[in-house]
């Protein structure tokens, strides 16, 4: 299937973001893959707060990529990015004891819990 230029650009952005995040603590001592690190940006994304714009972009990119690539979620037709982000933020926020865990794992769990597939 041929991809459009905006889709290819999104793939490149997601790939670069993933590479940056997978580098671990090379840039700082804080674990940049943890929910603890990324959730402030995700929360600001929901409220359209213009602070932490870098983290908002990382959150939006990761959540979109995980949603697009997930084979274990079956959302209803027409689900919006805002709804997906809200589901992820609410799921992770309701599990404060797990904030040190990898954001990507928790986001996938959130999507699977919200939209399980009927096998």
PDB file of N, CA and C in Angstrom:
ATOM      1  N   UNK A   1       0.842  -1.171   0.000  1.00  0.00           N
ATOM      2  CA  UNK A   1       0.000   0.000   0.000  1.00  0.00           C
ATOM      3  C   UNK A   1       0.892   1.240   0.000  1.00  0.00           C
ATOM      4  N   UNK A   2       0.639   2.172  -0.870  1.00  0.00           N
ATOM      5  CA  UNK A   2       1.410   3.392  -1.006  1.00  0.00           C
ATOM      6  C   UNK A   2       0.987   4.379   0.074  1.00  0.00           C
ATOM      7  N   UNK A   3       1.946   4.983   0.738  1.00  0.00           N
ATOM      8  CA  UNK A   3       1.672   5.941   1.813  1.00  0.00           C
ATOM      9  C   UNK A   3       1.799   7.360   1.287  1.00  0.00           C
ATOM     10  N   UNK A   4       1.019   8.268   1.823  1.00  0.00           N
ATOM     11  CA  UNK A   4       1.098   9.671   1.441  1.00  0.00           C
ATOM     12  C   UNK A   4       2.297  10.323   2.114  1.00  0.00           C
ATOM     13  N   UNK A   5       2.688  11.473   1.623  1.00  0.00           N
ATOM     14  CA  UNK A   5       3.826  12.184   2.204  1.00  0.00           C
ATOM     15  C   UNK A   5       3.613  12.523   3.679  1.00  0.00           C
ATOM     16  N   UNK A   6       2.416  13.016   4.093  1.00  0.00           N
ATOM     17  CA  UNK A   6       2.222  13.291   5.529  1.00  0.00           C
ATOM     18  C   UNK A   6       2.375  12.033   6.383  1.00  0.00           C
ATOM     19  N   UNK A   7       1.928  10.884   5.861  1.00  0.00           N
ATOM     20  CA  UNK A   7       2.058   9.642   6.612  1.00  0.00           C
ATOM     21  C   UNK A   7       3.520   9.250   6.743  1.00  0.00           C
ATOM     22  N   UNK A   8       4.280   9.392   5.670  1.00  0.00           N
ATOM     23  CA  UNK A   8       5.714   9.088   5.734  1.00  0.00           C
ATOM     24  C   UNK A   8       6.421  10.031   6.694  1.00  0.00           C
ATOM     25  N   UNK A   9       6.013  11.289   6.694  1.00  0.00           N
ATOM     26  CA  UNK A   9       6.611  12.259   7.624  1.00  0.00           C
ATOM     27  C   UNK A   9       6.313  11.848   9.058  1.00  0.00           C
ATOM     28  N   UNK A  10       5.077  11.394   9.337  1.00  0.00           N
ATOM     29  CA  UNK A  10       4.712  10.942  10.674  1.00  0.00           C
ATOM     30  C   UNK A  10       5.563   9.744  11.077  1.00  0.00           C
ATOM     31  N   UNK A  11       5.753   8.797  10.167  1.00  0.00           N
ATOM     32  CA  UNK A  11       6.602   7.639  10.461  1.00  0.00           C
ATOM     33  C   UNK A  11       8.016   8.080  10.830  1.00  0.00           C
ATOM     34  N   UNK A  12       8.546   9.032  10.100  1.00  0.00           N
ATOM     35  CA  UNK A  12       9.899   9.515  10.395  1.00  0.00           C
ATOM     36  C   UNK A  12       9.957  10.172  11.764  1.00  0.00           C
ATOM     37  N   UNK A  13       8.961  10.974  12.085  1.00  0.00           N
ATOM     38  CA  UNK A  13       8.924  11.646  13.382  1.00  0.00           C
ATOM     39  C   UNK A  13       8.825  10.618  14.507  1.00  0.00           C
ATOM     40  N   UNK A  14       7.967   9.642  14.331  1.00  0.00           N
ATOM     41  CA  UNK A  14       7.806   8.606  15.348  1.00  0.00           C
ATOM     42  C   UNK A  14       9.095   7.816  15.507  1.00  0.00           C
ATOM     43  N   UNK A  15       9.747   7.488  14.404  1.00  0.00           N
ATOM     44  CA  UNK A  15      10.999   6.739  14.459  1.00  0.00           C
ATOM     45  C   UNK A  15      12.064   7.532  15.198  1.00  0.00           C
ATOM     46  N   UNK A  16      12.198   8.798  14.872  1.00  0.00           N
ATOM     47  CA  UNK A  16      13.194   9.635  15.546  1.00  0.00           C
ATOM     48  C   UNK A  16      12.876   9.749  17.029  1.00  0.00           C
ATOM     49  N   UNK A  17      11.607   9.939  17.355  1.00  0.00           N
ATOM     50  CA  UNK A  17      11.196  10.020  18.760  1.00  0.00           C
ATOM     51  C   UNK A  17      11.513   8.722  19.482  1.00  0.00           C
ATOM     52  N   UNK A  18      11.207   7.601  18.852  1.00  0.00           N
ATOM     53  CA  UNK A  18      11.488   6.304  19.471  1.00  0.00           C
ATOM     54  C   UNK A  18      12.980   6.118  19.696  1.00  0.00           C
ATOM     55  N   UNK A  19      13.790   6.524  18.749  1.00  0.00           N
ATOM     56  CA  UNK A  19      15.235   6.407  18.905  1.00  0.00           C
ATOM     57  C   UNK A  19      15.743   7.268  20.046  1.00  0.00           C
ATOM     58  N   UNK A  20      15.206   8.479  20.144  1.00  0.00           N
ATOM     59  CA  UNK A  20      15.614   9.364  21.241  1.00  0.00           C
ATOM     60  C   UNK A  20      15.221   8.759  22.580  1.00  0.00           C
ATOM     61  N   UNK A  21      13.983   8.274  22.671  1.00  0.00           N
ATOM     62  CA  UNK A  21      13.515   7.707  23.931  1.00  0.00           C
ATOM     63  C   UNK A  21      14.215   6.403  24.274  1.00  0.00           C
ATOM     64  N   UNK A  22      14.586   5.626  23.274  1.00  0.00           N
ATOM     65  CA  UNK A  22      15.233   4.348  23.553  1.00  0.00           C
ATOM     66  C   UNK A  22      16.675   4.520  23.999  1.00  0.00           C
ATOM     67  N   UNK A  23      17.199   5.737  23.851  1.00  0.00           N
ATOM     68  CA  UNK A  23      18.575   5.970  24.279  1.00  0.00           C
ATOM     69  C   UNK A  23      18.682   6.027  25.796  1.00  0.00           C
ATOM     70  N   UNK A  24      17.553   5.926  26.474  1.00  0.00           N
ATOM     71  CA  UNK A  24      17.562   5.865  27.932  1.00  0.00           C
ATOM     72  C   UNK A  24      17.983   7.171  28.551  1.00  0.00           C
ATOM     73  N   UNK A  25      18.894   7.092  29.479  1.00  0.00           N
ATOM     74  CA  UNK A  25      19.271   8.274  30.242  1.00  0.00           C
ATOM     75  C   UNK A  25      20.541   8.925  29.718  1.00  0.00           C
ATOM     76  N   UNK A  26      20.784   8.838  28.437  1.00  0.00           N
ATOM     77  CA  UNK A  26      21.973   9.454  27.865  1.00  0.00           C
ATOM     78  C   UNK A  26      21.922  10.974  27.967  1.00  0.00           C
ATOM     79  N   UNK A  27      20.723  11.570  27.956  1.00  0.00           N
ATOM     80  CA  UNK A  27      20.595  13.014  27.998  1.00  0.00           C
ATOM     81  C   UNK A  27      20.371  13.548  29.403  1.00  0.00           C
ATOM     82  N   UNK A  28      19.868  12.733  30.280  1.00  0.00           N
ATOM     83  CA  UNK A  28      19.584  13.171  31.646  1.00  0.00           C
ATOM     84  C   UNK A  28      19.527  11.942  32.537  1.00  0.00           C
ATOM     85  N   UNK A  29      19.512  12.207  33.827  1.00  0.00           N
ATOM     86  CA  UNK A  29      19.461  11.090  34.754  1.00  0.00           C
ATOM     87  C   UNK A  29      18.069  10.523  34.902  1.00  0.00           C
ATOM     88  N   UNK A  30      17.066  11.280  34.515  1.00  0.00           N
ATOM     89  CA  UNK A  30      15.685  10.822  34.620  1.00  0.00           C
ATOM     90  C   UNK A  30      15.391   9.814  33.512  1.00  0.00           C
ATOM     91  N   UNK A  31      14.573   8.832  33.835  1.00  0.00           N
ATOM     92  CA  UNK A  31      14.191   7.816  32.852  1.00  0.00           C
ATOM     93  C   UNK A  31      13.178   8.420  31.896  1.00  0.00           C
ATOM     94  N   UNK A  32      13.607   8.738  30.711  1.00  0.00           N
ATOM     95  CA  UNK A  32      12.751   9.421  29.744  1.00  0.00           C
ATOM     96  C   UNK A  32      11.743   8.498  29.085  1.00  0.00           C
ATOM     97  N   UNK A  33      11.757   7.226  29.419  1.00  0.00           N
ATOM     98  CA  UNK A  33      10.764   6.303  28.877  1.00  0.00           C
ATOM     99  C   UNK A  33       9.635   6.044  29.866  1.00  0.00           C
ATOM    100  N   UNK A  34       9.771   6.555  31.067  1.00  0.00           N
ATOM    101  CA  UNK A  34       8.776   6.260  32.107  1.00  0.00           C
ATOM    102  C   UNK A  34       7.525   7.105  31.949  1.00  0.00           C
ATOM    103  N   UNK A  35       6.443   6.581  32.486  1.00  0.00           N
ATOM    104  CA  UNK A  35       5.190   7.332  32.527  1.00  0.00           C
ATOM    105  C   UNK A  35       5.370   8.588  33.373  1.00  0.00           C
ATOM    106  N   UNK A  36       6.170   8.494  34.400  1.00  0.00           N
ATOM    107  CA  UNK A  36       6.442   9.631  35.270  1.00  0.00           C
ATOM    108  C   UNK A  36       6.988  10.818  34.480  1.00  0.00           C
ATOM    109  N   UNK A  37       7.847  10.554  33.539  1.00  0.00           N
ATOM    110  CA  UNK A  37       8.468  11.598  32.727  1.00  0.00           C
ATOM    111  C   UNK A  37       7.496  12.154  31.681  1.00  0.00           C
ATOM    112  N   UNK A  38       6.734  11.288  31.023  1.00  0.00           N
ATOM    113  CA  UNK A  38       5.912  11.697  29.887  1.00  0.00           C
ATOM    114  C   UNK A  38       4.513  12.200  30.238  1.00  0.00           C
ATOM    115  N   UNK A  39       3.982  11.789  31.376  1.00  0.00           N
ATOM    116  CA  UNK A  39       2.603  12.149  31.702  1.00  0.00           C
ATOM    117  C   UNK A  39       2.330  13.660  31.794  1.00  0.00           C
ATOM    118  N   UNK A  40       3.247  14.486  32.296  1.00  0.00           N
ATOM    119  CA  UNK A  40       2.948  15.920  32.298  1.00  0.00           C
ATOM    120  C   UNK A  40       2.654  16.459  30.891  1.00  0.00           C
ATOM    121  N   UNK A  41       3.401  16.012  29.905  1.00  0.00           N
ATOM    122  CA  UNK A  41       3.144  16.427  28.529  1.00  0.00           C
ATOM    123  C   UNK A  41       1.817  15.898  28.017  1.00  0.00           C
ATOM    124  N   UNK A  42       1.488  14.668  28.383  1.00  0.00           N
ATOM    125  CA  UNK A  42       0.210  14.078  27.953  1.00  0.00           C
ATOM    126  C   UNK A  42      -0.964  14.818  28.578  1.00  0.00           C
ATOM    127  N   UNK A  43      -0.834  15.160  29.844  1.00  0.00           N
ATOM    128  CA  UNK A  43      -1.903  15.922  30.501  1.00  0.00           C
ATOM    129  C   UNK A  43      -2.069  17.290  29.851  1.00  0.00           C
ATOM    130  N   UNK A  44      -0.962  17.952  29.563  1.00  0.00           N
ATOM    131  CA  UNK A  44      -1.026  19.265  28.921  1.00  0.00           C
ATOM    132  C   UNK A  44      -1.609  19.174  27.519  1.00  0.00           C
ATOM    133  N   UNK A  45      -1.382  18.065  26.858  1.00  0.00           N
ATOM    134  CA  UNK A  45      -1.957  17.851  25.528  1.00  0.00           C
ATOM    135  C   UNK A  45      -3.482  17.857  25.602  1.00  0.00           C
ATOM    136  N   UNK A  46      -4.019  17.250  26.654  1.00  0.00           N
ATOM    137  CA  UNK A  46      -5.473  17.193  26.824  1.00  0.00           C
ATOM    138  C   UNK A  46      -6.078  18.556  27.147  1.00  0.00           C
ATOM    139  N   UNK A  47      -5.347  19.353  27.905  1.00  0.00           N
ATOM    140  CA  UNK A  47      -5.876  20.650  28.328  1.00  0.00           C
ATOM    141  C   UNK A  47      -5.479  21.768  27.381  1.00  0.00           C
ATOM    142  N   UNK A  48      -4.734  21.438  26.350  1.00  0.00           N
ATOM    143  CA  UNK A  48      -4.228  22.413  25.378  1.00  0.00           C
ATOM    144  C   UNK A  48      -3.396  23.497  26.049  1.00  0.00           C
ATOM    145  N   UNK A  49      -2.720  23.112  27.125  1.00  0.00           N
ATOM    146  CA  UNK A  49      -1.783  23.982  27.821  1.00  0.00           C
ATOM    147  C   UNK A  49      -0.512  24.034  26.978  1.00  0.00           C
ATOM    148  N   UNK A  50       0.002  25.209  26.708  1.00  0.00           N
ATOM    149  CA  UNK A  50       1.145  25.344  25.819  1.00  0.00           C
ATOM    150  C   UNK A  50       2.498  25.213  26.496  1.00  0.00           C
ATOM    151  N   UNK A  51       2.536  24.704  27.706  1.00  0.00           N
ATOM    152  CA  UNK A  51       3.831  24.437  28.318  1.00  0.00           C
ATOM    153  C   UNK A  51       4.195  22.975  28.045  1.00  0.00           C
ATOM    154  N   UNK A  52       5.451  22.674  28.122  1.00  0.00           N
ATOM    155  CA  UNK A  52       5.962  21.314  27.870  1.00  0.00           C
ATOM    156  C   UNK A  52       5.594  20.823  26.472  1.00  0.00           C
ATOM    157  N   UNK A  53       5.756  21.679  25.509  1.00  0.00           N
ATOM    158  CA  UNK A  53       5.348  21.319  24.149  1.00  0.00           C
ATOM    159  C   UNK A  53       6.151  20.149  23.597  1.00  0.00           C
ATOM    160  N   UNK A  54       7.419  20.037  23.987  1.00  0.00           N
ATOM    161  CA  UNK A  54       8.215  18.893  23.530  1.00  0.00           C
ATOM    162  C   UNK A  54       7.583  17.592  24.014  1.00  0.00           C
ATOM    163  N   UNK A  55       7.252  17.537  25.307  1.00  0.00           N
ATOM    164  CA  UNK A  55       6.646  16.324  25.858  1.00  0.00           C
ATOM    165  C   UNK A  55       5.258  16.079  25.278  1.00  0.00           C
ATOM    166  N   UNK A  56       4.534  17.131  24.946  1.00  0.00           N
ATOM    167  CA  UNK A  56       3.235  16.963  24.294  1.00  0.00           C
ATOM    168  C   UNK A  56       3.425  16.265  22.947  1.00  0.00           C
ATOM    169  N   UNK A  57       4.418  16.693  22.201  1.00  0.00           N
ATOM    170  CA  UNK A  57       4.694  16.085  20.902  1.00  0.00           C
ATOM    171  C   UNK A  57       5.131  14.644  21.018  1.00  0.00           C
ATOM    172  N   UNK A  58       5.968  14.371  21.994  1.00  0.00           N
ATOM    173  CA  UNK A  58       6.420  12.993  22.212  1.00  0.00           C
ATOM    174  C   UNK A  58       5.233  12.115  22.581  1.00  0.00           C
ATOM    175  N   UNK A  59       4.403  12.598  23.494  1.00  0.00           N
ATOM    176  CA  UNK A  59       3.227  11.843  23.909  1.00  0.00           C
ATOM    177  C   UNK A  59       2.298  11.590  22.732  1.00  0.00           C
ATOM    178  N   UNK A  60       1.977  12.635  21.996  1.00  0.00           N
ATOM    179  CA  UNK A  60       1.066  12.498  20.860  1.00  0.00           C
ATOM    180  C   UNK A  60       1.622  11.527  19.827  1.00  0.00           C
ATOM    181  N   UNK A  61       2.905  11.622  19.552  1.00  0.00           N
ATOM    182  CA  UNK A  61       3.528  10.735  18.577  1.00  0.00           C
ATOM    183  C   UNK A  61       3.539   9.286  19.021  1.00  0.00           C
ATOM    184  N   UNK A  62       3.893   9.066  20.284  1.00  0.00           N
ATOM    185  CA  UNK A  62       3.917   7.695  20.794  1.00  0.00           C
ATOM    186  C   UNK A  62       2.526   7.071  20.822  1.00  0.00           C
ATOM    187  N   UNK A  63       1.569   7.814  21.340  1.00  0.00           N
ATOM    188  CA  UNK A  63       0.215   7.278  21.446  1.00  0.00           C
ATOM    189  C   UNK A  63      -0.353   6.987  20.052  1.00  0.00           C
ATOM    190  N   UNK A  64      -0.152   7.904  19.117  1.00  0.00           N
ATOM    191  CA  UNK A  64      -0.644   7.682  17.754  1.00  0.00           C
ATOM    192  C   UNK A  64       0.019   6.471  17.114  1.00  0.00           C
ATOM    193  N   UNK A  65       1.322   6.358  17.274  1.00  0.00           N
ATOM    194  CA  UNK A  65       2.046   5.227  16.679  1.00  0.00           C
ATOM    195  C   UNK A  65       1.618   3.907  17.307  1.00  0.00           C
ATOM    196  N   UNK A  66       1.504   3.879  18.618  1.00  0.00           N
ATOM    197  CA  UNK A  66       1.089   2.650  19.299  1.00  0.00           C
ATOM    198  C   UNK A  66      -0.325   2.259  18.887  1.00  0.00           C
ATOM    199  N   UNK A  67      -1.206   3.239  18.782  1.00  0.00           N
ATOM    200  CA  UNK A  67      -2.581   2.970  18.378  1.00  0.00           C
ATOM    201  C   UNK A  67      -2.617   2.416  16.954  1.00  0.00           C
ATOM    202  N   UNK A  68      -1.873   3.039  16.075  1.00  0.00           N
ATOM    203  CA  UNK A  68      -1.849   2.623  14.669  1.00  0.00           C
ATOM    204  C   UNK A  68      -1.257   1.225  14.510  1.00  0.00           C
ATOM    205  N   UNK A  69      -0.230   0.919  15.277  1.00  0.00           N
ATOM    206  CA  UNK A  69       0.482  -0.343  15.116  1.00  0.00           C
ATOM    207  C   UNK A  69      -0.121  -1.495  15.925  1.00  0.00           C
ATOM    208  N   UNK A  70      -0.976  -1.197  16.886  1.00  0.00           N
ATOM    209  CA  UNK A  70      -1.522  -2.241  17.751  1.00  0.00           C
ATOM    210  C   UNK A  70      -2.465  -3.166  16.979  1.00  0.00           C
ATOM    211  N   UNK A  71      -2.250  -4.447  17.159  1.00  0.00           N
ATOM    212  CA  UNK A  71      -3.140  -5.435  16.546  1.00  0.00           C
ATOM    213  C   UNK A  71      -4.109  -6.007  17.578  1.00  0.00           C
ATOM    214  N   UNK A  72      -3.929  -5.625  18.843  1.00  0.00           N
ATOM    215  CA  UNK A  72      -4.744  -6.167  19.930  1.00  0.00           C
ATOM    216  C   UNK A  72      -5.832  -5.216  20.406  1.00  0.00           C
ATOM    217  N   UNK A  73      -6.090  -4.150  19.663  1.00  0.00           N
ATOM    218  CA  UNK A  73      -7.148  -3.227  20.041  1.00  0.00           C
ATOM    219  C   UNK A  73      -8.166  -3.133  18.907  1.00  0.00           C
ATOM    220  N   UNK A  74      -9.405  -2.997  19.285  1.00  0.00           N
ATOM    221  CA  UNK A  74     -10.497  -2.913  18.302  1.00  0.00           C
ATOM    222  C   UNK A  74     -11.406  -1.741  18.652  1.00  0.00           C
ATOM    223  N   UNK A  75     -10.937  -0.522  18.381  1.00  0.00           N
ATOM    224  CA  UNK A  75     -11.741   0.654  18.726  1.00  0.00           C
ATOM    225  C   UNK A  75     -12.928   0.814  17.796  1.00  0.00           C
ATOM    226  N   UNK A  76     -13.940   1.538  18.244  1.00  0.00           N
ATOM    227  CA  UNK A  76     -15.079   1.801  17.359  1.00  0.00           C
ATOM    228  C   UNK A  76     -14.644   2.721  16.223  1.00  0.00           C
ATOM    229  N   UNK A  77     -15.365   2.670  15.146  1.00  0.00           N
ATOM    230  CA  UNK A  77     -15.070   3.538  14.004  1.00  0.00           C
ATOM    231  C   UNK A  77     -15.172   4.989  14.434  1.00  0.00           C
ATOM    232  N   UNK A  78     -14.266   5.792  13.932  1.00  0.00           N
ATOM    233  CA  UNK A  78     -14.327   7.221  14.194  1.00  0.00           C
ATOM    234  C   UNK A  78     -13.755   7.679  15.518  1.00  0.00           C
ATOM    235  N   UNK A  79     -13.078   6.809  16.246  1.00  0.00           N
ATOM    236  CA  UNK A  79     -12.485   7.243  17.512  1.00  0.00           C
ATOM    237  C   UNK A  79     -11.441   8.316  17.207  1.00  0.00           C
ATOM    238  N   UNK A  80     -11.435   9.372  18.000  1.00  0.00           N
ATOM    239  CA  UNK A  80     -10.552  10.511  17.748  1.00  0.00           C
ATOM    240  C   UNK A  80      -9.231  10.376  18.508  1.00  0.00           C
ATOM    241  N   UNK A  81      -8.245  11.134  18.059  1.00  0.00           N
ATOM    242  CA  UNK A  81      -6.959  11.152  18.770  1.00  0.00           C
ATOM    243  C   UNK A  81      -7.146  11.683  20.178  1.00  0.00           C
ATOM    244  N   UNK A  82      -8.003  12.678  20.333  1.00  0.00           N
ATOM    245  CA  UNK A  82      -8.258  13.232  21.670  1.00  0.00           C
ATOM    246  C   UNK A  82      -8.815  12.161  22.602  1.00  0.00           C
ATOM    247  N   UNK A  83      -9.722  11.333  22.104  1.00  0.00           N
ATOM    248  CA  UNK A  83     -10.296  10.250  22.907  1.00  0.00           C
ATOM    249  C   UNK A  83      -9.227   9.230  23.271  1.00  0.00           C
ATOM    250  N   UNK A  84      -8.385   8.878  22.316  1.00  0.00           N
ATOM    251  CA  UNK A  84      -7.310   7.911  22.577  1.00  0.00           C
ATOM    252  C   UNK A  84      -6.378   8.463  23.645  1.00  0.00           C
ATOM    253  N   UNK A  85      -5.976   9.721  23.514  1.00  0.00           N
ATOM    254  CA  UNK A  85      -5.090  10.338  24.504  1.00  0.00           C
ATOM    255  C   UNK A  85      -5.750  10.368  25.879  1.00  0.00           C
ATOM    256  N   UNK A  86      -7.042  10.699  25.923  1.00  0.00           N
ATOM    257  CA  UNK A  86      -7.768  10.750  27.199  1.00  0.00           C
ATOM    258  C   UNK A  86      -7.796   9.374  27.864  1.00  0.00           C
ATOM    259  N   UNK A  87      -8.049   8.333  27.077  1.00  0.00           N
ATOM    260  CA  UNK A  87      -8.071   6.960  27.609  1.00  0.00           C
ATOM    261  C   UNK A  87      -6.720   6.609  28.218  1.00  0.00           C
ATOM    262  N   UNK A  88      -5.652   6.934  27.506  1.00  0.00           N
ATOM    263  CA  UNK A  88      -4.300   6.616  27.993  1.00  0.00           C
ATOM    264  C   UNK A  88      -3.997   7.385  29.273  1.00  0.00           C
ATOM    265  N   UNK A  89      -4.271   8.673  29.289  1.00  0.00           N
ATOM    266  CA  UNK A  89      -3.973   9.497  30.468  1.00  0.00           C
ATOM    267  C   UNK A  89      -4.777   9.022  31.680  1.00  0.00           C
ATOM    268  N   UNK A  90      -6.065   8.768  31.509  1.00  0.00           N
ATOM    269  CA  UNK A  90      -6.899   8.322  32.627  1.00  0.00           C
ATOM    270  C   UNK A  90      -6.426   6.972  33.165  1.00  0.00           C
ATOM    271  N   UNK A  91      -6.071   6.064  32.273  1.00  0.00           N
ATOM    272  CA  UNK A  91      -5.622   4.734  32.685  1.00  0.00           C
ATOM    273  C   UNK A  91      -4.335   4.836  33.509  1.00  0.00           C
ATOM    274  N   UNK A  92      -3.382   5.569  32.986  1.00  0.00           N
ATOM    275  CA  UNK A  92      -2.096   5.669  33.684  1.00  0.00           C
ATOM    276  C   UNK A  92      -2.239   6.458  34.980  1.00  0.00           C
ATOM    277  N   UNK A  93      -2.995   7.544  34.958  1.00  0.00           N
ATOM    278  CA  UNK A  93      -3.183   8.365  36.160  1.00  0.00           C
ATOM    279  C   UNK A  93      -3.854   7.592  37.287  1.00  0.00           C
ATOM    280  N   UNK A  94      -4.675   6.609  36.937  1.00  0.00           N
ATOM    281  CA  UNK A  94      -5.358   5.825  37.966  1.00  0.00           C
ATOM    282  C   UNK A  94      -4.467   4.718  38.550  1.00  0.00           C
ATOM    283  N   UNK A  95      -3.223   4.651  38.099  1.00  0.00           N
ATOM    284  CA  UNK A  95      -2.264   3.654  38.591  1.00  0.00           C
ATOM    285  C   UNK A  95      -0.966   4.330  39.028  1.00  0.00           C
ATOM    286  N   UNK A  96      -1.020   5.181  40.044  1.00  0.00           N
ATOM    287  CA  UNK A  96       0.174   5.947  40.439  1.00  0.00           C
ATOM    288  C   UNK A  96       1.350   5.079  40.875  1.00  0.00           C
ATOM    289  N   UNK A  97       1.091   3.896  41.354  1.00  0.00           N
ATOM    290  CA  UNK A  97       2.186   3.015  41.780  1.00  0.00           C
ATOM    291  C   UNK A  97       3.005   2.487  40.600  1.00  0.00           C
ATOM    292  N   UNK A  98       2.488   2.662  39.393  1.00  0.00           N
ATOM    293  CA  UNK A  98       3.177   2.138  38.206  1.00  0.00           C
ATOM    294  C   UNK A  98       3.823   3.235  37.363  1.00  0.00           C
ATOM    295  N   UNK A  99       3.891   4.448  37.872  1.00  0.00           N
ATOM    296  CA  UNK A  99       4.401   5.580  37.098  1.00  0.00           C
ATOM    297  C   UNK A  99       5.859   5.434  36.674  1.00  0.00           C
ATOM    298  N   UNK A 100       6.621   4.585  37.351  1.00  0.00           N
ATOM    299  CA  UNK A 100       8.020   4.392  36.972  1.00  0.00           C
ATOM    300  C   UNK A 100       8.161   3.423  35.806  1.00  0.00           C
ATOM    301  N   UNK A 101       7.074   2.768  35.423  1.00  0.00           N
ATOM    302  CA  UNK A 101       7.105   1.798  34.328  1.00  0.00           C
ATOM    303  C   UNK A 101       7.146   2.499  32.974  1.00  0.00           C
ATOM    304  N   UNK A 102       7.471   1.740  31.953  1.00  0.00           N
ATOM    305  CA  UNK A 102       7.577   2.263  30.603  1.00  0.00           C
ATOM    306  C   UNK A 102       6.220   2.783  30.116  1.00  0.00           C
ATOM    307  N   UNK A 103       6.209   4.027  29.659  1.00  0.00           N
ATOM    308  CA  UNK A 103       4.985   4.663  29.191  1.00  0.00           C
ATOM    309  C   UNK A 103       4.332   3.869  28.070  1.00  0.00           C
ATOM    310  N   UNK A 104       5.132   3.363  27.152  1.00  0.00           N
ATOM    311  CA  UNK A 104       4.586   2.643  25.996  1.00  0.00           C
ATOM    312  C   UNK A 104       3.817   1.402  26.432  1.00  0.00           C
ATOM    313  N   UNK A 105       4.342   0.665  27.396  1.00  0.00           N
ATOM    314  CA  UNK A 105       3.656  -0.534  27.885  1.00  0.00           C
ATOM    315  C   UNK A 105       2.314  -0.178  28.517  1.00  0.00           C
ATOM    316  N   UNK A 106       2.315   0.872  29.321  1.00  0.00           N
ATOM    317  CA  UNK A 106       1.076   1.289  29.985  1.00  0.00           C
ATOM    318  C   UNK A 106       0.061   1.831  28.979  1.00  0.00           C
ATOM    319  N   UNK A 107       0.527   2.564  27.981  1.00  0.00           N
ATOM    320  CA  UNK A 107      -0.387   3.104  26.965  1.00  0.00           C
ATOM    321  C   UNK A 107      -1.046   1.969  26.181  1.00  0.00           C
ATOM    322  N   UNK A 108      -0.274   0.948  25.830  1.00  0.00           N
ATOM    323  CA  UNK A 108      -0.852  -0.203  25.127  1.00  0.00           C
ATOM    324  C   UNK A 108      -1.871  -0.927  26.004  1.00  0.00           C
ATOM    325  N   UNK A 109      -1.543  -1.084  27.277  1.00  0.00           N
ATOM    326  CA  UNK A 109      -2.494  -1.696  28.219  1.00  0.00           C
ATOM    327  C   UNK A 109      -3.792  -0.902  28.248  1.00  0.00           C
ATOM    328  N   UNK A 110      -3.679   0.414  28.280  1.00  0.00           N
ATOM    329  CA  UNK A 110      -4.859   1.281  28.333  1.00  0.00           C
ATOM    330  C   UNK A 110      -5.735   1.079  27.113  1.00  0.00           C
ATOM    331  N   UNK A 111      -5.129   1.036  25.954  1.00  0.00           N
ATOM    332  CA  UNK A 111      -5.898   0.859  24.716  1.00  0.00           C
ATOM    333  C   UNK A 111      -6.538  -0.524  24.644  1.00  0.00           C
ATOM    334  N   UNK A 112      -5.816  -1.532  25.085  1.00  0.00           N
ATOM    335  CA  UNK A 112      -6.368  -2.895  25.082  1.00  0.00           C
ATOM    336  C   UNK A 112      -7.530  -3.009  26.061  1.00  0.00           C
ATOM    337  N   UNK A 113      -7.403  -2.335  27.208  1.00  0.00           N
ATOM    338  CA  UNK A 113      -8.479  -2.379  28.207  1.00  0.00           C
ATOM    339  C   UNK A 113      -9.715  -1.623  27.711  1.00  0.00           C
ATOM    340  N   UNK A 114      -9.490  -0.519  27.017  1.00  0.00           N
ATOM    341  CA  UNK A 114     -10.622   0.297  26.549  1.00  0.00           C
ATOM    342  C   UNK A 114     -11.318  -0.321  25.339  1.00  0.00           C
ATOM    343  N   UNK A 115     -10.547  -0.937  24.462  1.00  0.00           N
ATOM    344  CA  UNK A 115     -11.102  -1.467  23.216  1.00  0.00           C
ATOM    345  C   UNK A 115     -10.612  -2.894  22.958  1.00  0.00           C
ATOM    346  N   UNK A 116     -11.018  -3.831  23.805  1.00  0.00           N
ATOM    347  CA  UNK A 116     -10.558  -5.215  23.579  1.00  0.00           C
ATOM    348  C   UNK A 116     -11.201  -5.804  22.325  1.00  0.00           C
ATOM    349  N   UNK A 117     -10.477  -6.674  21.686  1.00  0.00           N
ATOM    350  CA  UNK A 117     -11.013  -7.352  20.517  1.00  0.00           C
ATOM    351  C   UNK A 117     -11.786  -8.588  20.954  1.00  0.00           C
ATOM    352  N   UNK A 118     -12.866  -8.854  20.291  1.00  0.00           N
ATOM    353  CA  UNK A 118     -13.667 -10.047  20.570  1.00  0.00           C
ATOM    354  C   UNK A 118     -13.167 -11.167  19.650  1.00  0.00           C
ATOM    355  N   UNK A 119     -12.455 -12.107  20.220  1.00  0.00           N
ATOM    356  CA  UNK A 119     -11.880 -13.178  19.391  1.00  0.00           C
ATOM    357  C   UNK A 119     -12.795 -14.350  19.283  1.00  0.00           C
TER     358      UNK A 119
END
